Amino acid sequence: MDLSIVGSGYVGLVTGACFADVGHNVTCVDNDPRKIDMLRAGKVPIYEPGLEEVIHRNVSAHRLRFTGSIQEGVDNSEVIFIAVPTPQSAQGDVDLSFIEKVAREIAGVLSDYRVIVDKSTVPVKTGEKVAESIKRYNKRGAEFDVVSNPEFLREGCAVGDLMKPDRIVIGAQSERAIALMKKIYEPFMAPILVTDINSAELIKHAANSFLALKISYINAVSAICDASGADVEKVADGIGMDHRIGRTFLNAGIGYGGSCFPKDIAAFIHISEQLGVPFQLLKEVQRINATQKERFLKAIRDTLWVLREKKIAVWGLTFKPNTDDIRSSVAIDLIADMLREGAQVSVYDPKGMDKAREVKPIADARFVSSALDAVEGAEALVIATEWDEFANVDLAVVKEKMTTPIIFDGRNLFDPQTMAQLGFHYHSIGRAPVVPR
């Protein structure tokens, strides 16, 4: 099929590349000329494992191309996917101005039937507004259908998630549109759930909020483990072995971040309040997440006493491993807090360094070229992102390089007893601190 994707960010680029990889002809549209020039030159503007290879393979096969023209995207497609940003507004709801702008632009060049698909995460009833906008601004009176087709991609494994999805949700009212959407997804061999548009839009917000709830739940349990001397990892294993619950998203840490969970939870709270059904549970999820970072920072302060002029190394800048995304990263917040208190902070991340250098609150941090460079002369090490590189580091070398071997592990990468045997003062989440024997 001939498809176009409007928006070439994390969602749009992965979606377009993977659609091309199963045989569709895909035109990716973006209004950033620099991004289009970069993609045409074979450079990928984001880091996502496997994505670069998929893009190069399908550009070479002439199934994937890039343009800055909405007209070209509409003319060369049967189905148009909208995958533009939906950032959080200052009021806590979702800024839909990018969606509205694209809807108007599509309407301006639409001359015959197309399916327009909301791939971006949007509040319930957005599909109705998109349809109204296209009808209002399309002077030719062309037929069209609007569909909601939410994405469920995790940064760091987005290519795998798209190629082997748990489910595909299609929210539509027209049998013609449903048939076209099913044809697109035929090669993916995944269960398809067909719903109304409003239900499809709610599914995405409800799913992300539930996953964030699991994270905040185990983080709340970790505080009880700290107070009682229990081990949150063992507690999570015991909970997760119940097939009704499962072990995923039950990893205690310093809280969730990224471009999805914080924004989607705030949006779902706002949506529920607009509908007159306040979602108080999600407000508690937000509170627990904020508290978790403060608890971790308090543990650093309590141990080091005064942060001013302390040399502290931080491993991790991205909100999770296997991505270069630093949006709403708890690591960035921690570094900014420590810098404000006068600490001398050295930071390293395998993929997030370039983007982090542009973040003003951490501009005074020292950016180094390796994990071991970061700990040189450090009085403490903070682990903020669970990269495999950090989990596999030679801890003997780390200890040798540090002035005082104190580690604050915000992602529970290491076994406490092993760390004690190696001579570290080791603090983790929901597990009793250990000191050298």
Protein backbone atom coordinates (compact mmCIF):
# COMPACT_ATOMS: atom_id res chain seq x y z
CA MET A 1 0.00 0.00 0.00
CA ASP A 2 0.97 3.65 -0.40
CA LEU A 3 1.18 5.33 3.00
CA SER A 4 2.38 8.66 4.36
CA ILE A 5 3.48 9.52 7.89
CA VAL A 6 3.29 13.19 8.92
CA GLY A 7 5.91 13.75 11.62
CA SER A 8 9.33 12.09 11.67
CA GLY A 9 10.05 11.87 15.39
CA TYR A 10 10.34 8.71 17.49
CA VAL A 11 6.87 7.42 16.59
CA GLY A 12 6.66 8.60 12.98
CA LEU A 13 10.13 7.50 11.93
CA VAL A 14 9.87 4.04 13.51
CA THR A 15 6.36 3.54 12.12
CA GLY A 16 7.33 4.63 8.62
CA ALA A 17 10.49 2.53 8.53
CA CYS A 18 8.75 -0.61 9.79
CA PHE A 19 5.78 -0.19 7.45
CA ALA A 20 8.27 0.01 4.58
CA ASP A 21 10.08 -3.05 5.90
CA VAL A 22 6.98 -5.22 5.45
CA GLY A 23 6.51 -4.04 1.87
CA HIS A 24 4.49 -0.81 1.94
CA ASN A 25 5.58 2.31 0.06
CA VAL A 26 6.03 5.04 2.65
CA THR A 27 6.49 8.80 2.40
CA CYS A 28 7.63 10.42 5.65
CA VAL A 29 6.71 14.11 5.90
CA ASP A 30 8.24 16.62 8.30
CA ASN A 31 8.22 20.43 8.49
CA ASP A 32 11.83 20.59 9.72
CA PRO A 33 14.03 21.00 6.61
CA ARG A 34 17.19 20.09 8.57
CA LYS A 35 15.68 16.78 9.64
CA ILE A 36 14.58 15.97 6.08
CA ASP A 37 18.04 16.85 4.72
CA MET A 38 19.65 14.68 7.40
CA LEU A 39 17.41 11.70 6.61
CA ARG A 40 17.97 12.05 2.89
CA ALA A 41 21.71 12.05 3.57
CA GLY A 42 21.37 8.74 5.42
CA LYS A 43 21.70 10.17 8.93
CA VAL A 44 19.15 9.25 11.59
CA PRO A 45 18.37 12.11 14.03
CA ILE A 46 17.44 9.84 16.95
CA TYR A 47 19.03 6.79 18.53
CA GLU A 48 16.82 3.71 18.54
CA PRO A 49 18.35 0.22 18.37
CA GLY A 50 17.95 -1.31 14.89
CA LEU A 51 16.24 1.74 13.37
CA GLU A 52 19.16 2.99 11.29
CA GLU A 53 19.55 -0.38 9.57
CA VAL A 54 15.81 -0.58 8.79
CA ILE A 55 15.81 2.93 7.33
CA HIS A 56 18.88 2.36 5.15
CA ARG A 57 17.51 -0.97 3.92
CA ASN A 58 14.20 0.50 2.81
CA VAL A 59 15.59 3.72 1.36
CA SER A 60 17.85 1.52 -0.79
CA ALA A 61 14.83 -0.56 -1.82
CA HIS A 62 12.96 2.66 -2.78
CA ARG A 63 10.12 1.88 -0.35
CA LEU A 64 10.91 4.77 2.02
CA ARG A 65 11.42 8.43 1.19
CA PHE A 66 11.36 11.79 2.95
CA THR A 67 9.78 15.12 2.06
CA GLY A 68 8.79 18.44 3.59
CA SER A 69 5.64 18.66 1.46
CA ILE A 70 2.20 17.77 2.84
CA GLN A 71 0.90 17.91 -0.74
CA GLU A 72 3.37 15.23 -1.77
CA GLY A 73 2.48 13.09 1.22
CA VAL A 74 -1.27 13.28 0.54
CA ASP A 75 -0.93 12.74 -3.21
CA ASN A 76 1.26 9.65 -2.76
CA SER A 77 -0.84 7.80 -0.19
CA GLU A 78 -4.07 5.97 0.44
CA VAL A 79 -3.73 6.37 4.20
CA ILE A 80 -2.16 9.33 6.03
CA PHE A 81 -0.84 8.83 9.57
CA ILE A 82 -0.49 11.85 11.85
CA ALA A 83 2.45 11.32 14.23
CA VAL A 84 3.28 14.83 15.40
CA PRO A 85 4.12 15.89 18.98
CA THR A 86 1.34 16.37 21.54
CA PRO A 87 3.25 18.09 24.36
CA GLN A 88 1.86 18.96 27.76
CA SER A 89 0.58 22.53 28.00
CA ALA A 90 1.20 24.88 30.91
CA GLN A 91 -2.29 24.03 32.20
CA GLY A 92 -1.51 20.30 32.36
CA ASP A 93 -3.66 19.28 29.40
CA VAL A 94 -2.43 18.34 25.92
CA ASP A 95 -1.32 20.91 23.37
CA LEU A 96 -3.12 19.81 20.20
CA SER A 97 -1.97 22.71 18.04
CA PHE A 98 0.35 20.49 15.95
CA ILE A 99 -2.50 18.02 15.28
CA GLU A 100 -4.86 20.84 14.33
CA LYS A 101 -2.29 22.43 12.01
CA VAL A 102 -1.65 19.14 10.19
CA ALA A 103 -5.41 18.52 9.87
CA ARG A 104 -5.83 21.94 8.23
CA GLU A 105 -2.87 21.36 5.92
CA ILE A 106 -4.23 17.97 4.84
CA ALA A 107 -7.66 19.52 4.27
CA GLY A 108 -6.10 22.19 2.08
CA VAL A 109 -4.73 19.67 -0.44
CA LEU A 110 -7.24 16.81 -0.12
CA SER A 111 -8.94 16.14 -3.46
CA ASP A 112 -10.29 12.60 -3.15
CA TYR A 113 -10.87 9.87 -0.54
CA ARG A 114 -8.20 9.27 2.11
CA VAL A 115 -8.07 7.70 5.53
CA ILE A 116 -6.51 10.06 8.09
CA VAL A 117 -5.13 8.24 11.12
CA ASP A 118 -4.31 9.72 14.52
CA LYS A 119 -1.14 7.87 15.56
CA SER A 120 -0.15 10.52 18.12
CA THR A 121 -1.33 10.08 21.70
CA VAL A 122 -4.37 12.34 21.98
CA PRO A 123 -7.23 12.97 24.44
CA VAL A 124 -10.56 11.29 23.88
CA LYS A 125 -12.73 13.06 21.30
CA THR A 126 -9.72 14.40 19.38
CA GLY A 127 -10.77 12.33 16.37
CA GLU A 128 -14.05 14.24 16.25
CA LYS A 129 -12.15 17.54 16.22
CA VAL A 130 -9.80 16.35 13.47
CA ALA A 131 -12.80 15.36 11.34
CA GLU A 132 -14.45 18.74 11.95
CA SER A 133 -11.28 20.62 10.96
CA ILE A 134 -10.77 18.66 7.76
CA LYS A 135 -14.41 19.09 6.76
CA ARG A 136 -14.26 22.83 7.52
CA TYR A 137 -11.07 23.57 5.60
CA ASN A 138 -11.48 21.17 2.66
CA LYS A 139 -13.11 23.35 0.02
CA ARG A 140 -13.33 20.49 -2.49
CA GLY A 141 -15.68 18.45 -0.29
CA ALA A 142 -13.50 15.33 -0.65
CA GLU A 143 -14.55 12.20 1.19
CA PHE A 144 -12.40 10.98 4.05
CA ASP A 145 -12.47 8.90 7.22
CA VAL A 146 -10.69 9.58 10.51
CA VAL A 147 -9.25 6.64 12.44
CA SER A 148 -7.57 6.32 15.83
CA ASN A 149 -4.65 3.88 15.80
CA PRO A 150 -2.66 4.44 19.01
CA GLU A 151 0.98 3.40 19.20
CA PHE A 152 2.35 1.23 22.01
CA LEU A 153 6.06 1.67 21.36
CA ARG A 154 8.66 1.65 24.11
CA GLU A 155 11.72 3.76 23.42
CA GLY A 156 14.76 1.51 23.34
CA CYS A 157 12.84 -1.39 21.77
CA ALA A 158 10.42 0.44 19.48
CA VAL A 159 11.36 -1.45 16.30
CA GLY A 160 10.67 -4.80 17.96
CA ASP A 161 7.45 -3.51 19.49
CA LEU A 162 6.14 -2.37 16.12
CA MET A 163 7.19 -5.48 14.21
CA LYS A 164 5.79 -7.86 16.87
CA PRO A 165 2.97 -5.98 18.61
CA ASP A 166 0.87 -7.39 21.46
CA ARG A 167 -2.20 -5.96 19.76
CA ILE A 168 -3.29 -3.47 17.15
CA VAL A 169 -6.10 -1.10 18.08
CA ILE A 170 -8.20 0.41 15.30
CA GLY A 171 -10.84 2.95 16.27
CA ALA A 172 -13.10 3.68 13.31
CA GLN A 173 -16.70 4.12 12.23
CA SER A 174 -16.39 3.24 8.54
CA GLU A 175 -16.10 -0.32 7.20
CA ARG A 176 -14.11 1.07 4.28
CA ALA A 177 -11.52 2.56 6.64
CA ILE A 178 -11.41 -0.57 8.81
CA ALA A 179 -10.73 -2.72 5.74
CA LEU A 180 -7.83 -0.49 4.66
CA MET A 181 -6.34 -0.46 8.16
CA LYS A 182 -6.53 -4.27 8.41
CA LYS A 183 -4.78 -4.53 5.05
CA ILE A 184 -1.92 -2.33 6.31
CA TYR A 185 -1.42 -4.53 9.36
CA GLU A 186 -1.86 -7.89 7.61
CA PRO A 187 1.91 -8.61 7.54
CA PHE A 188 2.28 -8.12 11.31
CA MET A 189 0.28 -11.22 12.33
CA ALA A 190 -1.04 -9.65 15.55
CA PRO A 191 -4.47 -9.57 17.24
CA ILE A 192 -6.58 -6.66 15.99
CA LEU A 193 -9.10 -4.93 18.23
CA VAL A 194 -11.65 -2.81 16.36
CA THR A 195 -13.44 -0.22 18.49
CA ASP A 196 -15.11 3.15 18.19
CA ILE A 197 -12.72 6.12 17.95
CA ASN A 198 -13.30 7.36 21.51
CA SER A 199 -12.51 3.96 23.03
CA ALA A 200 -9.30 3.65 21.00
CA GLU A 201 -8.14 7.06 22.20
CA LEU A 202 -8.86 6.15 25.83
CA ILE A 203 -7.05 2.81 25.56
CA LYS A 204 -3.66 4.52 25.13
CA HIS A 205 -4.02 6.88 28.08
CA ALA A 206 -5.48 4.13 30.26
CA ALA A 207 -2.69 1.68 29.38
CA ASN A 208 0.16 4.12 30.05
CA SER A 209 -1.43 5.30 33.29
CA PHE A 210 -1.78 1.72 34.51
CA LEU A 211 1.88 0.99 33.79
CA ALA A 212 2.91 4.15 35.64
CA LEU A 213 0.67 3.05 38.50
CA LYS A 214 2.60 -0.25 38.71
CA ILE A 215 5.88 1.66 38.91
CA SER A 216 4.60 4.00 41.62
CA TYR A 217 3.09 1.06 43.49
CA ILE A 218 6.39 -0.81 43.77
CA ASN A 219 8.16 2.43 44.62
CA ALA A 220 5.69 2.98 47.47
CA VAL A 221 6.38 -0.61 48.58
CA SER A 222 10.12 0.14 48.44
CA ALA A 223 9.66 2.81 51.12
CA ILE A 224 8.04 0.20 53.36
CA CYS A 225 10.92 -2.18 52.61
CA ASP A 226 13.41 0.52 53.62
CA ALA A 227 11.57 1.01 56.90
CA SER A 228 11.20 -2.70 57.67
CA GLY A 229 14.48 -4.15 56.40
CA ALA A 230 12.75 -6.17 53.66
CA ASP A 231 14.19 -6.54 50.13
CA VAL A 232 12.00 -4.93 47.48
CA GLU A 233 13.51 -7.11 44.73
CA LYS A 234 12.35 -10.27 46.47
CA VAL A 235 8.98 -8.71 47.23
CA ALA A 236 8.58 -7.78 43.56
CA ASP A 237 9.55 -11.31 42.50
CA GLY A 238 6.91 -12.75 44.81
CA ILE A 239 4.24 -10.37 43.54
CA GLY A 240 5.23 -10.81 39.91
CA MET A 241 5.00 -14.60 40.00
CA ASP A 242 1.23 -14.18 40.24
CA HIS A 243 0.16 -14.48 36.60
CA ARG A 244 -2.65 -11.97 37.21
CA ILE A 245 -0.03 -9.30 38.02
CA GLY A 246 3.23 -10.15 36.22
CA ARG A 247 6.77 -8.98 36.98
CA THR A 248 7.14 -6.26 34.33
CA PHE A 249 7.06 -2.65 35.54
CA LEU A 250 7.62 -3.80 39.13
CA ASN A 251 11.21 -2.55 39.30
CA ALA A 252 11.76 -0.13 42.14
CA GLY A 253 13.85 2.91 41.28
CA ILE A 254 14.01 6.69 41.34
CA GLY A 255 10.79 7.10 39.38
CA TYR A 256 9.53 7.13 35.81
CA GLY A 257 10.27 9.86 33.28
CA GLY A 258 10.36 10.21 29.52
CA SER A 259 8.04 11.80 27.01
CA CYS A 260 5.02 9.56 27.66
CA PHE A 261 4.20 8.66 31.25
CA PRO A 262 4.42 12.13 32.89
CA LYS A 263 2.54 13.77 30.00
CA ASP A 264 -0.07 11.04 29.56
CA ILE A 265 -0.91 10.83 33.26
CA ALA A 266 -1.30 14.61 33.49
CA ALA A 267 -3.48 14.51 30.38
CA PHE A 268 -5.66 11.67 31.70
CA ILE A 269 -6.16 13.56 34.98
CA HIS A 270 -7.16 16.65 33.01
CA ILE A 271 -9.49 14.64 30.75
CA SER A 272 -11.20 13.01 33.73
CA GLU A 273 -11.72 16.38 35.42
CA GLN A 274 -13.19 17.88 32.24
CA LEU A 275 -15.60 14.95 32.10
CA GLY A 276 -16.57 15.51 35.75
CA VAL A 277 -15.02 12.25 36.98
CA PRO A 278 -11.79 13.24 38.84
CA PHE A 279 -9.18 10.45 38.77
CA GLN A 280 -7.71 10.85 42.27
CA LEU A 281 -5.72 7.60 42.04
CA LEU A 282 -3.55 9.06 39.26
CA LYS A 283 -2.81 12.14 41.34
CA GLU A 284 -1.37 9.81 43.96
CA VAL A 285 0.71 8.09 41.26
CA GLN A 286 2.19 11.50 40.41
CA ARG A 287 2.86 12.28 44.07
CA ILE A 288 4.62 8.97 44.71
CA ASN A 289 6.79 9.44 41.63
CA ALA A 290 7.90 12.90 42.79
CA THR A 291 8.49 11.64 46.33
CA GLN A 292 10.71 8.82 45.12
CA LYS A 293 13.29 11.22 43.70
CA GLU A 294 13.23 13.28 46.90
CA ARG A 295 13.76 10.15 49.03
CA PHE A 296 16.78 9.23 46.92
CA LEU A 297 18.25 12.72 47.13
CA LYS A 298 17.73 12.70 50.91
CA ALA A 299 19.70 9.45 51.16
CA ILE A 300 22.59 11.14 49.29
CA ARG A 301 22.45 14.16 51.59
CA ASP A 302 22.20 12.04 54.75
CA THR A 303 25.29 10.04 53.78
CA LEU A 304 27.50 12.81 52.40
CA TRP A 305 26.24 15.35 54.97
CA VAL A 306 27.04 18.44 52.86
CA LEU A 307 26.99 18.35 49.04
CA ARG A 308 28.86 21.61 48.52
CA GLU A 309 32.23 20.94 46.82
CA LYS A 310 31.67 17.18 46.95
CA LYS A 311 32.85 15.41 43.78
CA ILE A 312 29.95 13.27 42.60
CA ALA A 313 29.86 11.07 39.50
CA VAL A 314 26.56 10.35 37.76
CA TRP A 315 26.07 7.45 35.38
CA GLY A 316 23.06 7.99 33.15
CA LEU A 317 21.30 10.98 31.61
CA THR A 318 18.53 9.41 29.53
CA PHE A 319 15.22 8.53 31.17
CA LYS A 320 15.81 4.85 30.34
CA PRO A 321 18.50 2.78 28.58
CA ASN A 322 18.78 2.17 24.82
CA THR A 323 17.60 5.63 23.84
CA ASP A 324 19.07 9.12 23.57
CA ASP A 325 15.87 10.70 24.94
CA ILE A 326 16.41 12.91 28.00
CA ARG A 327 12.90 14.37 28.17
CA SER A 328 11.56 14.43 31.77
CA SER A 329 14.59 12.40 32.84
CA VAL A 330 14.87 11.95 36.60
CA ALA A 331 18.65 11.84 36.11
CA ILE A 332 18.63 15.42 34.78
CA ASP A 333 16.57 16.56 37.77
CA LEU A 334 18.96 14.91 40.23
CA ILE A 335 22.02 16.46 38.61
CA ALA A 336 20.39 19.90 38.62
CA ASP A 337 19.51 19.54 42.32
CA MET A 338 23.06 18.51 43.26
CA LEU A 339 24.59 21.34 41.23
CA ARG A 340 22.30 23.85 42.97
CA GLU A 341 23.64 22.60 46.29
CA GLY A 342 27.22 23.22 45.15
CA ALA A 343 28.34 19.70 44.22
CA GLN A 344 30.95 19.19 41.51
CA VAL A 345 29.23 16.71 39.20
CA SER A 346 30.82 14.59 36.44
CA VAL A 347 28.33 12.89 34.11
CA TYR A 348 28.42 10.17 31.49
CA ASP A 349 25.79 8.45 29.36
CA PRO A 350 26.37 6.14 26.36
CA LYS A 351 23.89 7.99 24.09
CA GLY A 352 22.47 11.04 25.84
CA MET A 353 25.50 13.33 26.11
CA ASP A 354 24.90 15.59 23.09
CA LYS A 355 21.29 16.38 23.98
CA ALA A 356 22.06 16.81 27.69
CA ARG A 357 24.77 19.39 26.99
CA GLU A 358 22.02 21.70 25.73
CA VAL A 359 20.03 21.51 29.00
CA LYS A 360 20.72 24.74 30.91
CA PRO A 361 20.12 23.48 34.50
CA ILE A 362 23.03 21.03 34.12
CA ALA A 363 25.32 23.15 31.95
CA ASP A 364 27.84 23.40 34.81
CA ALA A 365 28.27 19.63 35.03
CA ARG A 366 31.47 18.10 33.68
CA PHE A 367 30.70 15.89 30.68
CA VAL A 368 33.23 13.07 30.33
CA SER A 369 33.89 10.38 27.74
CA SER A 370 33.43 7.20 29.77
CA ALA A 371 31.94 5.75 32.94
CA LEU A 372 35.41 5.27 34.42
CA ASP A 373 36.41 8.86 33.63
CA ALA A 374 33.36 10.03 35.58
CA VAL A 375 34.37 8.23 38.80
CA GLU A 376 37.99 9.45 38.77
CA GLY A 377 38.47 11.11 42.18
CA ALA A 378 34.75 10.94 42.97
CA GLU A 379 33.51 10.85 46.55
CA ALA A 380 30.28 9.20 45.48
CA LEU A 381 28.73 7.59 42.41
CA VAL A 382 25.05 7.98 41.53
CA ILE A 383 23.57 5.44 39.08
CA ALA A 384 20.55 7.04 37.43
CA THR A 385 19.97 4.93 34.28
CA GLU A 386 20.22 1.15 34.00
CA TRP A 387 22.46 0.82 30.93
CA ASP A 388 24.04 -2.63 30.44
CA GLU A 389 27.40 -0.89 30.19
CA PHE A 390 27.07 0.14 33.84
CA ALA A 391 25.87 -3.26 35.03
CA ASN A 392 28.90 -4.92 33.39
CA VAL A 393 31.56 -2.48 34.58
CA ASP A 394 34.69 -3.69 36.38
CA LEU A 395 33.81 -2.68 39.93
CA ALA A 396 37.34 -3.23 41.20
CA VAL A 397 38.57 -0.53 38.81
CA VAL A 398 35.69 1.74 39.87
CA LYS A 399 36.67 1.40 43.52
CA GLU A 400 40.31 2.07 42.75
CA LYS A 401 39.48 5.29 40.93
CA MET A 402 37.12 6.70 43.57
CA THR A 403 38.31 8.74 46.55
CA THR A 404 35.62 7.17 48.75
CA PRO A 405 33.77 4.08 47.42
CA ILE A 406 30.17 5.19 48.03
CA ILE A 407 27.50 4.22 45.50
CA PHE A 408 23.88 5.36 45.33
CA ASP A 409 22.19 2.96 42.94
CA GLY A 410 18.86 4.37 41.76
CA ARG A 411 18.20 1.35 39.54
CA ASN A 412 19.24 -1.59 41.77
CA LEU A 413 21.85 -2.86 39.29
CA PHE A 414 24.00 -4.72 41.81
CA ASP A 415 23.67 -7.24 44.61
CA PRO A 416 24.12 -5.52 48.00
CA GLN A 417 26.14 -8.32 49.61
CA THR A 418 28.50 -8.53 46.65
CA MET A 419 29.03 -4.78 46.85
CA ALA A 420 29.83 -5.01 50.56
CA GLN A 421 32.35 -7.77 49.91
CA LEU A 422 34.00 -5.55 47.27
CA GLY A 423 34.37 -2.78 49.85
CA PHE A 424 31.62 -0.38 48.75
CA HIS A 425 29.22 1.61 50.89
CA TYR A 426 26.22 0.69 48.78
CA HIS A 427 22.78 2.36 48.90
CA SER A 428 19.97 1.13 46.64
CA ILE A 429 16.17 1.37 46.50
CA GLY A 430 14.06 -0.65 48.94
CA ARG A 431 17.02 -2.72 50.14
CA ALA A 432 18.96 -2.10 53.32
CA PRO A 433 22.21 -0.12 52.83
CA VAL A 434 25.37 -2.20 53.21
CA VAL A 435 28.84 -1.24 54.42
CA PRO A 436 32.17 -3.00 53.81
CA ARG A 437 33.02 -5.96 56.01
